[in-house]
Amino acid sequence: QVAIILFTAAYIAEVVRGGLQGMNKGQFEAADSI
């Protein structure tokens, strides 16, 4: 179970990182402004 969790998490991390990189920088700037 632990091996499957560790293996799957690495692939999920790269998918989520793609989503984070797809965010507009204006979203971060708006968060900083408030």
PDB file of all heavy atoms in Angstrom:
ATOM      1  N   GLN A   1       0.826  -1.210   0.000  1.00  0.00           N
ATOM      2  CA  GLN A   1       0.000   0.000   0.000  1.00  0.00           C
ATOM      3  C   GLN A   1       0.857   1.254   0.000  1.00  0.00           C
ATOM      4  O   GLN A   1       0.601   2.199  -0.759  1.00  0.00           O
ATOM      5  CB  GLN A   1      -0.910  -0.008   1.237  1.00  0.00           C
ATOM      6  CG  GLN A   1      -1.834   1.185   1.344  1.00  0.00           C
ATOM      7  CD  GLN A   1      -3.030   1.076   0.438  1.00  0.00           C
ATOM      8  OE1 GLN A   1      -4.043   0.506   0.797  1.00  0.00           O
ATOM      9  NE2 GLN A   1      -2.924   1.623  -0.761  1.00  0.00           N
ATOM     10  N   VAL A   2       1.896   1.270   0.821  1.00  0.00           N
ATOM     11  CA  VAL A   2       2.789   2.426   0.886  1.00  0.00           C
ATOM     12  C   VAL A   2       3.507   2.616  -0.443  1.00  0.00           C
ATOM     13  O   VAL A   2       3.660   3.752  -0.927  1.00  0.00           O
ATOM     14  CB  VAL A   2       3.793   2.253   2.040  1.00  0.00           C
ATOM     15  CG1 VAL A   2       4.855   3.349   1.999  1.00  0.00           C
ATOM     16  CG2 VAL A   2       3.070   2.269   3.384  1.00  0.00           C
ATOM     17  N   ALA A   3       3.955   1.529  -1.063  1.00  0.00           N
ATOM     18  CA  ALA A   3       4.655   1.630  -2.353  1.00  0.00           C
ATOM     19  C   ALA A   3       3.741   2.227  -3.423  1.00  0.00           C
ATOM     20  O   ALA A   3       4.167   3.082  -4.212  1.00  0.00           O
ATOM     21  CB  ALA A   3       5.158   0.256  -2.786  1.00  0.00           C
ATOM     22  N   ILE A   4       2.486   1.810  -3.450  1.00  0.00           N
ATOM     23  CA  ILE A   4       1.541   2.339  -4.429  1.00  0.00           C
ATOM     24  C   ILE A   4       1.272   3.818  -4.183  1.00  0.00           C
ATOM     25  O   ILE A   4       1.184   4.619  -5.121  1.00  0.00           O
ATOM     26  CB  ILE A   4       0.228   1.523  -4.392  1.00  0.00           C
ATOM     27  CG1 ILE A   4       0.476   0.108  -4.925  1.00  0.00           C
ATOM     28  CG2 ILE A   4      -0.872   2.202  -5.200  1.00  0.00           C
ATOM     29  CD1 ILE A   4      -0.709  -0.826  -4.763  1.00  0.00           C
ATOM     30  N   ILE A   5       1.144   4.196  -2.907  1.00  0.00           N
ATOM     31  CA  ILE A   5       0.906   5.604  -2.574  1.00  0.00           C
ATOM     32  C   ILE A   5       2.074   6.474  -3.020  1.00  0.00           C
ATOM     33  O   ILE A   5       1.890   7.519  -3.664  1.00  0.00           O
ATOM     34  CB  ILE A   5       0.664   5.757  -1.061  1.00  0.00           C
ATOM     35  CG1 ILE A   5      -0.670   5.114  -0.674  1.00  0.00           C
ATOM     36  CG2 ILE A   5       0.666   7.230  -0.658  1.00  0.00           C
ATOM     37  CD1 ILE A   5      -0.910   5.065   0.825  1.00  0.00           C
ATOM     38  N   LEU A   6       3.294   6.058  -2.701  1.00  0.00           N
ATOM     39  CA  LEU A   6       4.475   6.840  -3.054  1.00  0.00           C
ATOM     40  C   LEU A   6       4.637   6.956  -4.569  1.00  0.00           C
ATOM     41  O   LEU A   6       5.021   8.006  -5.090  1.00  0.00           O
ATOM     42  CB  LEU A   6       5.725   6.204  -2.439  1.00  0.00           C
ATOM     43  CG  LEU A   6       5.784   6.176  -0.903  1.00  0.00           C
ATOM     44  CD1 LEU A   6       7.053   5.483  -0.439  1.00  0.00           C
ATOM     45  CD2 LEU A   6       5.699   7.581  -0.327  1.00  0.00           C
ATOM     46  N   PHE A   7       4.333   5.874  -5.278  1.00  0.00           N
ATOM     47  CA  PHE A   7       4.484   5.872  -6.729  1.00  0.00           C
ATOM     48  C   PHE A   7       3.456   6.787  -7.387  1.00  0.00           C
ATOM     49  O   PHE A   7       3.790   7.618  -8.236  1.00  0.00           O
ATOM     50  CB  PHE A   7       4.328   4.442  -7.255  1.00  0.00           C
ATOM     51  CG  PHE A   7       4.519   4.307  -8.736  1.00  0.00           C
ATOM     52  CD1 PHE A   7       5.784   4.237  -9.288  1.00  0.00           C
ATOM     53  CD2 PHE A   7       3.424   4.247  -9.587  1.00  0.00           C
ATOM     54  CE1 PHE A   7       5.968   4.108 -10.663  1.00  0.00           C
ATOM     55  CE2 PHE A   7       3.592   4.123 -10.960  1.00  0.00           C
ATOM     56  CZ  PHE A   7       4.870   4.055 -11.489  1.00  0.00           C
ATOM     57  N   THR A   8       2.204   6.664  -6.987  1.00  0.00           N
ATOM     58  CA  THR A   8       1.135   7.461  -7.592  1.00  0.00           C
ATOM     59  C   THR A   8       1.290   8.940  -7.264  1.00  0.00           C
ATOM     60  O   THR A   8       1.021   9.804  -8.110  1.00  0.00           O
ATOM     61  CB  THR A   8      -0.233   6.962  -7.106  1.00  0.00           C
ATOM     62  OG1 THR A   8      -0.338   5.548  -7.345  1.00  0.00           O
ATOM     63  CG2 THR A   8      -1.361   7.674  -7.828  1.00  0.00           C
ATOM     64  N   ALA A   9       1.749   9.250  -6.060  1.00  0.00           N
ATOM     65  CA  ALA A   9       1.889  10.647  -5.644  1.00  0.00           C
ATOM     66  C   ALA A   9       2.872  11.395  -6.528  1.00  0.00           C
ATOM     67  O   ALA A   9       2.675  12.588  -6.813  1.00  0.00           O
ATOM     68  CB  ALA A   9       2.336  10.710  -4.186  1.00  0.00           C
ATOM     69  N   ALA A  10       3.927  10.725  -6.987  1.00  0.00           N
ATOM     70  CA  ALA A  10       4.908  11.394  -7.843  1.00  0.00           C
ATOM     71  C   ALA A  10       4.289  11.824  -9.164  1.00  0.00           C
ATOM     72  O   ALA A  10       4.586  12.914  -9.677  1.00  0.00           O
ATOM     73  CB  ALA A  10       6.102  10.474  -8.088  1.00  0.00           C
ATOM     74  N   TYR A  11       3.431  10.996  -9.734  1.00  0.00           N
ATOM     75  CA  TYR A  11       2.783  11.346 -10.999  1.00  0.00           C
ATOM     76  C   TYR A  11       1.719  12.422 -10.791  1.00  0.00           C
ATOM     77  O   TYR A  11       1.555  13.315 -11.629  1.00  0.00           O
ATOM     78  CB  TYR A  11       2.174  10.094 -11.632  1.00  0.00           C
ATOM     79  CG  TYR A  11       3.201   9.200 -12.266  1.00  0.00           C
ATOM     80  CD1 TYR A  11       3.887   8.247 -11.522  1.00  0.00           C
ATOM     81  CD2 TYR A  11       3.521   9.317 -13.614  1.00  0.00           C
ATOM     82  CE1 TYR A  11       4.843   7.436 -12.095  1.00  0.00           C
ATOM     83  CE2 TYR A  11       4.477   8.509 -14.207  1.00  0.00           C
ATOM     84  CZ  TYR A  11       5.131   7.569 -13.437  1.00  0.00           C
ATOM     85  OH  TYR A  11       6.092   6.768 -14.019  1.00  0.00           O
ATOM     86  N   ILE A  12       0.991  12.333  -9.684  1.00  0.00           N
ATOM     87  CA  ILE A  12       0.005  13.360  -9.372  1.00  0.00           C
ATOM     88  C   ILE A  12       0.690  14.709  -9.185  1.00  0.00           C
ATOM     89  O   ILE A  12       0.184  15.762  -9.607  1.00  0.00           O
ATOM     90  CB  ILE A  12      -0.788  12.986  -8.106  1.00  0.00           C
ATOM     91  CG1 ILE A  12      -1.732  11.811  -8.393  1.00  0.00           C
ATOM     92  CG2 ILE A  12      -1.590  14.172  -7.595  1.00  0.00           C
ATOM     93  CD1 ILE A  12      -2.846  12.121  -9.352  1.00  0.00           C
ATOM     94  N   ALA A  13       1.877  14.703  -8.583  1.00  0.00           N
ATOM     95  CA  ALA A  13       2.615  15.947  -8.345  1.00  0.00           C
ATOM     96  C   ALA A  13       2.926  16.667  -9.645  1.00  0.00           C
ATOM     97  O   ALA A  13       2.793  17.896  -9.736  1.00  0.00           O
ATOM     98  CB  ALA A  13       3.902  15.647  -7.576  1.00  0.00           C
ATOM     99  N   GLU A  14       3.337  15.919 -10.675  1.00  0.00           N
ATOM    100  CA  GLU A  14       3.655  16.549 -11.948  1.00  0.00           C
ATOM    101  C   GLU A  14       2.408  17.083 -12.644  1.00  0.00           C
ATOM    102  O   GLU A  14       2.444  18.127 -13.291  1.00  0.00           O
ATOM    103  CB  GLU A  14       4.374  15.547 -12.861  1.00  0.00           C
ATOM    104  CG  GLU A  14       5.812  15.284 -12.463  1.00  0.00           C
ATOM    105  CD  GLU A  14       6.657  16.548 -12.539  1.00  0.00           C
ATOM    106  OE1 GLU A  14       7.164  16.865 -13.632  1.00  0.00           O
ATOM    107  OE2 GLU A  14       6.790  17.229 -11.507  1.00  0.00           O
ATOM    108  N   VAL A  15       1.295  16.374 -12.496  1.00  0.00           N
ATOM    109  CA  VAL A  15       0.045  16.851 -13.083  1.00  0.00           C
ATOM    110  C   VAL A  15      -0.395  18.148 -12.410  1.00  0.00           C
ATOM    111  O   VAL A  15      -0.769  19.122 -13.079  1.00  0.00           O
ATOM    112  CB  VAL A  15      -1.045  15.767 -12.950  1.00  0.00           C
ATOM    113  CG1 VAL A  15      -2.411  16.333 -13.341  1.00  0.00           C
ATOM    114  CG2 VAL A  15      -0.722  14.565 -13.827  1.00  0.00           C
ATOM    115  N   VAL A  16      -0.348  18.172 -11.076  1.00  0.00           N
ATOM    116  CA  VAL A  16      -0.739  19.368 -10.341  1.00  0.00           C
ATOM    117  C   VAL A  16       0.217  20.524 -10.641  1.00  0.00           C
ATOM    118  O   VAL A  16      -0.198  21.687 -10.751  1.00  0.00           O
ATOM    119  CB  VAL A  16      -0.792  19.078  -8.833  1.00  0.00           C
ATOM    120  CG1 VAL A  16      -1.071  20.357  -8.038  1.00  0.00           C
ATOM    121  CG2 VAL A  16      -1.868  18.045  -8.536  1.00  0.00           C
ATOM    122  N   ARG A  17       1.519  20.224 -10.778  1.00  0.00           N
ATOM    123  CA  ARG A  17       2.477  21.273 -11.106  1.00  0.00           C
ATOM    124  C   ARG A  17       2.138  21.919 -12.441  1.00  0.00           C
ATOM    125  O   ARG A  17       2.292  23.139 -12.617  1.00  0.00           O
ATOM    126  CB  ARG A  17       3.893  20.701 -11.154  1.00  0.00           C
ATOM    127  CG  ARG A  17       4.978  21.759 -11.370  1.00  0.00           C
ATOM    128  CD  ARG A  17       6.355  21.154 -11.138  1.00  0.00           C
ATOM    129  NE  ARG A  17       6.710  20.225 -12.189  1.00  0.00           N
ATOM    130  CZ  ARG A  17       7.431  20.555 -13.265  1.00  0.00           C
ATOM    131  NH1 ARG A  17       7.845  21.800 -13.440  1.00  0.00           N
ATOM    132  NH2 ARG A  17       7.750  19.640 -14.163  1.00  0.00           N
ATOM    133  N   GLY A  18       1.665  21.117 -13.401  1.00  0.00           N
ATOM    134  CA  GLY A  18       1.232  21.692 -14.672  1.00  0.00           C
ATOM    135  C   GLY A  18       0.080  22.657 -14.491  1.00  0.00           C
ATOM    136  O   GLY A  18       0.023  23.703 -15.143  1.00  0.00           O
ATOM    137  N   GLY A  19      -0.852  22.318 -13.592  1.00  0.00           N
ATOM    138  CA  GLY A  19      -1.954  23.224 -13.315  1.00  0.00           C
ATOM    139  C   GLY A  19      -1.490  24.510 -12.652  1.00  0.00           C
ATOM    140  O   GLY A  19      -1.987  25.595 -12.964  1.00  0.00           O
ATOM    141  N   LEU A  20      -0.517  24.392 -11.734  1.00  0.00           N
ATOM    142  CA  LEU A  20       0.013  25.586 -11.068  1.00  0.00           C
ATOM    143  C   LEU A  20       0.728  26.501 -12.051  1.00  0.00           C
ATOM    144  O   LEU A  20       0.611  27.728 -11.996  1.00  0.00           O
ATOM    145  CB  LEU A  20       0.966  25.177  -9.944  1.00  0.00           C
ATOM    146  CG  LEU A  20       0.340  24.433  -8.757  1.00  0.00           C
ATOM    147  CD1 LEU A  20       1.420  23.968  -7.792  1.00  0.00           C
ATOM    148  CD2 LEU A  20      -0.665  25.314  -8.034  1.00  0.00           C
ATOM    149  N   GLN A  21       1.465  25.914 -12.976  1.00  0.00           N
ATOM    150  CA  GLN A  21       2.171  26.722 -13.972  1.00  0.00           C
ATOM    151  C   GLN A  21       1.211  27.375 -14.959  1.00  0.00           C
ATOM    152  O   GLN A  21       1.551  28.383 -15.583  1.00  0.00           O
ATOM    153  CB  GLN A  21       3.186  25.861 -14.725  1.00  0.00           C
ATOM    154  CG  GLN A  21       4.379  25.445 -13.879  1.00  0.00           C
ATOM    155  CD  GLN A  21       5.372  24.605 -14.647  1.00  0.00           C
ATOM    156  OE1 GLN A  21       5.030  23.947 -15.632  1.00  0.00           O
ATOM    157  NE2 GLN A  21       6.619  24.602 -14.202  1.00  0.00           N
ATOM    158  N   GLY A  22       0.018  26.785 -15.102  1.00  0.00           N
ATOM    159  CA  GLY A  22      -0.960  27.358 -16.020  1.00  0.00           C
ATOM    160  C   GLY A  22      -1.736  28.530 -15.441  1.00  0.00           C
ATOM    161  O   GLY A  22      -2.521  29.161 -16.149  1.00  0.00           O
ATOM    162  N   MET A  23      -1.509  28.843 -14.174  1.00  0.00           N
ATOM    163  CA  MET A  23      -2.221  29.953 -13.549  1.00  0.00           C
ATOM    164  C   MET A  23      -1.611  31.290 -13.964  1.00  0.00           C
ATOM    165  O   MET A  23      -0.383  31.426 -14.052  1.00  0.00           O
ATOM    166  CB  MET A  23      -2.176  29.814 -12.023  1.00  0.00           C
ATOM    167  CG  MET A  23      -2.887  28.573 -11.498  1.00  0.00           C
ATOM    168  SD  MET A  23      -4.622  28.529 -11.971  1.00  0.00           S
ATOM    169  CE  MET A  23      -5.199  30.039 -11.228  1.00  0.00           C
ATOM    170  N   ASN A  24      -2.460  32.262 -14.187  1.00  0.00           N
ATOM    171  CA  ASN A  24      -2.018  33.603 -14.547  1.00  0.00           C
ATOM    172  C   ASN A  24      -1.335  34.277 -13.355  1.00  0.00           C
ATOM    173  O   ASN A  24      -1.802  34.174 -12.224  1.00  0.00           O
ATOM    174  CB  ASN A  24      -3.227  34.430 -15.004  1.00  0.00           C
ATOM    175  CG  ASN A  24      -2.829  35.709 -15.701  1.00  0.00           C
ATOM    176  OD1 ASN A  24      -1.960  36.432 -15.217  1.00  0.00           O
ATOM    177  ND2 ASN A  24      -3.462  35.995 -16.819  1.00  0.00           N
ATOM    178  N   LYS A  25      -0.236  34.967 -13.602  1.00  0.00           N
ATOM    179  CA  LYS A  25       0.474  35.661 -12.522  1.00  0.00           C
ATOM    180  C   LYS A  25      -0.385  36.727 -11.871  1.00  0.00           C
ATOM    181  O   LYS A  25      -0.152  37.122 -10.714  1.00  0.00           O
ATOM    182  CB  LYS A  25       1.754  36.286 -13.055  1.00  0.00           C
ATOM    183  CG  LYS A  25       2.814  35.264 -13.450  1.00  0.00           C
ATOM    184  CD  LYS A  25       4.103  35.938 -13.876  1.00  0.00           C
ATOM    185  CE  LYS A  25       5.167  34.910 -14.224  1.00  0.00           C
ATOM    186  NZ  LYS A  25       6.456  35.551 -14.636  1.00  0.00           N
ATOM    187  N   GLY A  26      -1.392  37.190 -12.600  1.00  0.00           N
ATOM    188  CA  GLY A  26      -2.291  38.177 -12.019  1.00  0.00           C
ATOM    189  C   GLY A  26      -3.042  37.645 -10.816  1.00  0.00           C
ATOM    190  O   GLY A  26      -3.428  38.420  -9.924  1.00  0.00           O
ATOM    191  N   GLN A  27      -3.256  36.324 -10.762  1.00  0.00           N
ATOM    192  CA  GLN A  27      -3.930  35.723  -9.611  1.00  0.00           C
ATOM    193  C   GLN A  27      -3.090  35.890  -8.356  1.00  0.00           C
ATOM    194  O   GLN A  27      -3.607  36.222  -7.283  1.00  0.00           O
ATOM    195  CB  GLN A  27      -4.179  34.227  -9.882  1.00  0.00           C
ATOM    196  CG  GLN A  27      -5.027  33.937 -11.108  1.00  0.00           C
ATOM    197  CD  GLN A  27      -6.494  34.216 -10.867  1.00  0.00           C
ATOM    198  OE1 GLN A  27      -6.951  34.271  -9.735  1.00  0.00           O
ATOM    199  NE2 GLN A  27      -7.238  34.409 -11.948  1.00  0.00           N
ATOM    200  N   PHE A  28      -1.780  35.667  -8.483  1.00  0.00           N
ATOM    201  CA  PHE A  28      -0.883  35.843  -7.337  1.00  0.00           C
ATOM    202  C   PHE A  28      -0.810  37.319  -6.924  1.00  0.00           C
ATOM    203  O   PHE A  28      -0.811  37.635  -5.731  1.00  0.00           O
ATOM    204  CB  PHE A  28       0.520  35.325  -7.681  1.00  0.00           C
ATOM    205  CG  PHE A  28       0.577  33.846  -7.931  1.00  0.00           C
ATOM    206  CD1 PHE A  28       0.404  33.326  -9.207  1.00  0.00           C
ATOM    207  CD2 PHE A  28       0.814  32.971  -6.885  1.00  0.00           C
ATOM    208  CE1 PHE A  28       0.472  31.958  -9.435  1.00  0.00           C
ATOM    209  CE2 PHE A  28       0.884  31.600  -7.101  1.00  0.00           C
ATOM    210  CZ  PHE A  28       0.701  31.094  -8.380  1.00  0.00           C
ATOM    211  N   GLU A  29      -0.730  38.197  -7.921  1.00  0.00           N
ATOM    212  CA  GLU A  29      -0.642  39.629  -7.619  1.00  0.00           C
ATOM    213  C   GLU A  29      -1.912  40.129  -6.952  1.00  0.00           C
ATOM    214  O   GLU A  29      -1.859  40.964  -6.031  1.00  0.00           O
ATOM    215  CB  GLU A  29      -0.372  40.401  -8.905  1.00  0.00           C
ATOM    216  CG  GLU A  29       0.981  40.087  -9.538  1.00  0.00           C
ATOM    217  CD  GLU A  29       1.138  40.705 -10.905  1.00  0.00           C
ATOM    218  OE1 GLU A  29       0.141  41.288 -11.402  1.00  0.00           O
ATOM    219  OE2 GLU A  29       2.231  40.597 -11.496  1.00  0.00           O
ATOM    220  N   ALA A  30      -3.060  39.600  -7.384  1.00  0.00           N
ATOM    221  CA  ALA A  30      -4.321  40.009  -6.756  1.00  0.00           C
ATOM    222  C   ALA A  30      -4.380  39.547  -5.303  1.00  0.00           C
ATOM    223  O   ALA A  30      -4.866  40.268  -4.427  1.00  0.00           O
ATOM    224  CB  ALA A  30      -5.494  39.437  -7.547  1.00  0.00           C
ATOM    225  N   ALA A  31      -3.864  38.338  -5.045  1.00  0.00           N
ATOM    226  CA  ALA A  31      -3.844  37.821  -3.674  1.00  0.00           C
ATOM    227  C   ALA A  31      -2.939  38.667  -2.794  1.00  0.00           C
ATOM    228  O   ALA A  31      -3.263  38.967  -1.632  1.00  0.00           O
ATOM    229  CB  ALA A  31      -3.390  36.362  -3.679  1.00  0.00           C
ATOM    230  N   ASP A  32      -1.783  39.065  -3.358  1.00  0.00           N
ATOM    231  CA  ASP A  32      -0.870  39.919  -2.594  1.00  0.00           C
ATOM    232  C   ASP A  32      -1.500  41.281  -2.299  1.00  0.00           C
ATOM    233  O   ASP A  32      -1.291  41.860  -1.221  1.00  0.00           O
ATOM    234  CB  ASP A  32       0.436  40.115  -3.359  1.00  0.00           C
ATOM    235  CG  ASP A  32       1.267  38.844  -3.423  1.00  0.00           C
ATOM    236  OD1 ASP A  32       1.077  37.983  -2.533  1.00  0.00           O
ATOM    237  OD2 ASP A  32       2.084  38.708  -4.350  1.00  0.00           O
ATOM    238  N   SER A  33      -2.272  41.769  -3.244  1.00  0.00           N
ATOM    239  CA  SER A  33      -2.851  43.115  -3.084  1.00  0.00           C
ATOM    240  C   SER A  33      -3.885  43.183  -1.969  1.00  0.00           C
ATOM    241  O   SER A  33      -4.118  44.253  -1.402  1.00  0.00           O
ATOM    242  CB  SER A  33      -3.485  43.572  -4.400  1.00  0.00           C
ATOM    243  OG  SER A  33      -4.620  42.774  -4.716  1.00  0.00           O
ATOM    244  N   ILE A  34      -4.518  42.055  -1.654  1.00  0.00           N
ATOM    245  CA  ILE A  34      -5.514  42.062  -0.570  1.00  0.00           C
ATOM    246  C   ILE A  34      -4.934  41.500   0.729  1.00  0.00           C
ATOM    247  O   ILE A  34      -5.663  41.224   1.676  1.00  0.00           O
ATOM    248  CB  ILE A  34      -6.779  41.284  -0.973  1.00  0.00           C
ATOM    249  CG1 ILE A  34      -6.451  39.828  -1.303  1.00  0.00           C
ATOM    250  CG2 ILE A  34      -7.465  41.947  -2.143  1.00  0.00           C
ATOM    251  CD1 ILE A  34      -7.689  38.989  -1.626  1.00  0.00           C
TER     252      ILE A  34
END
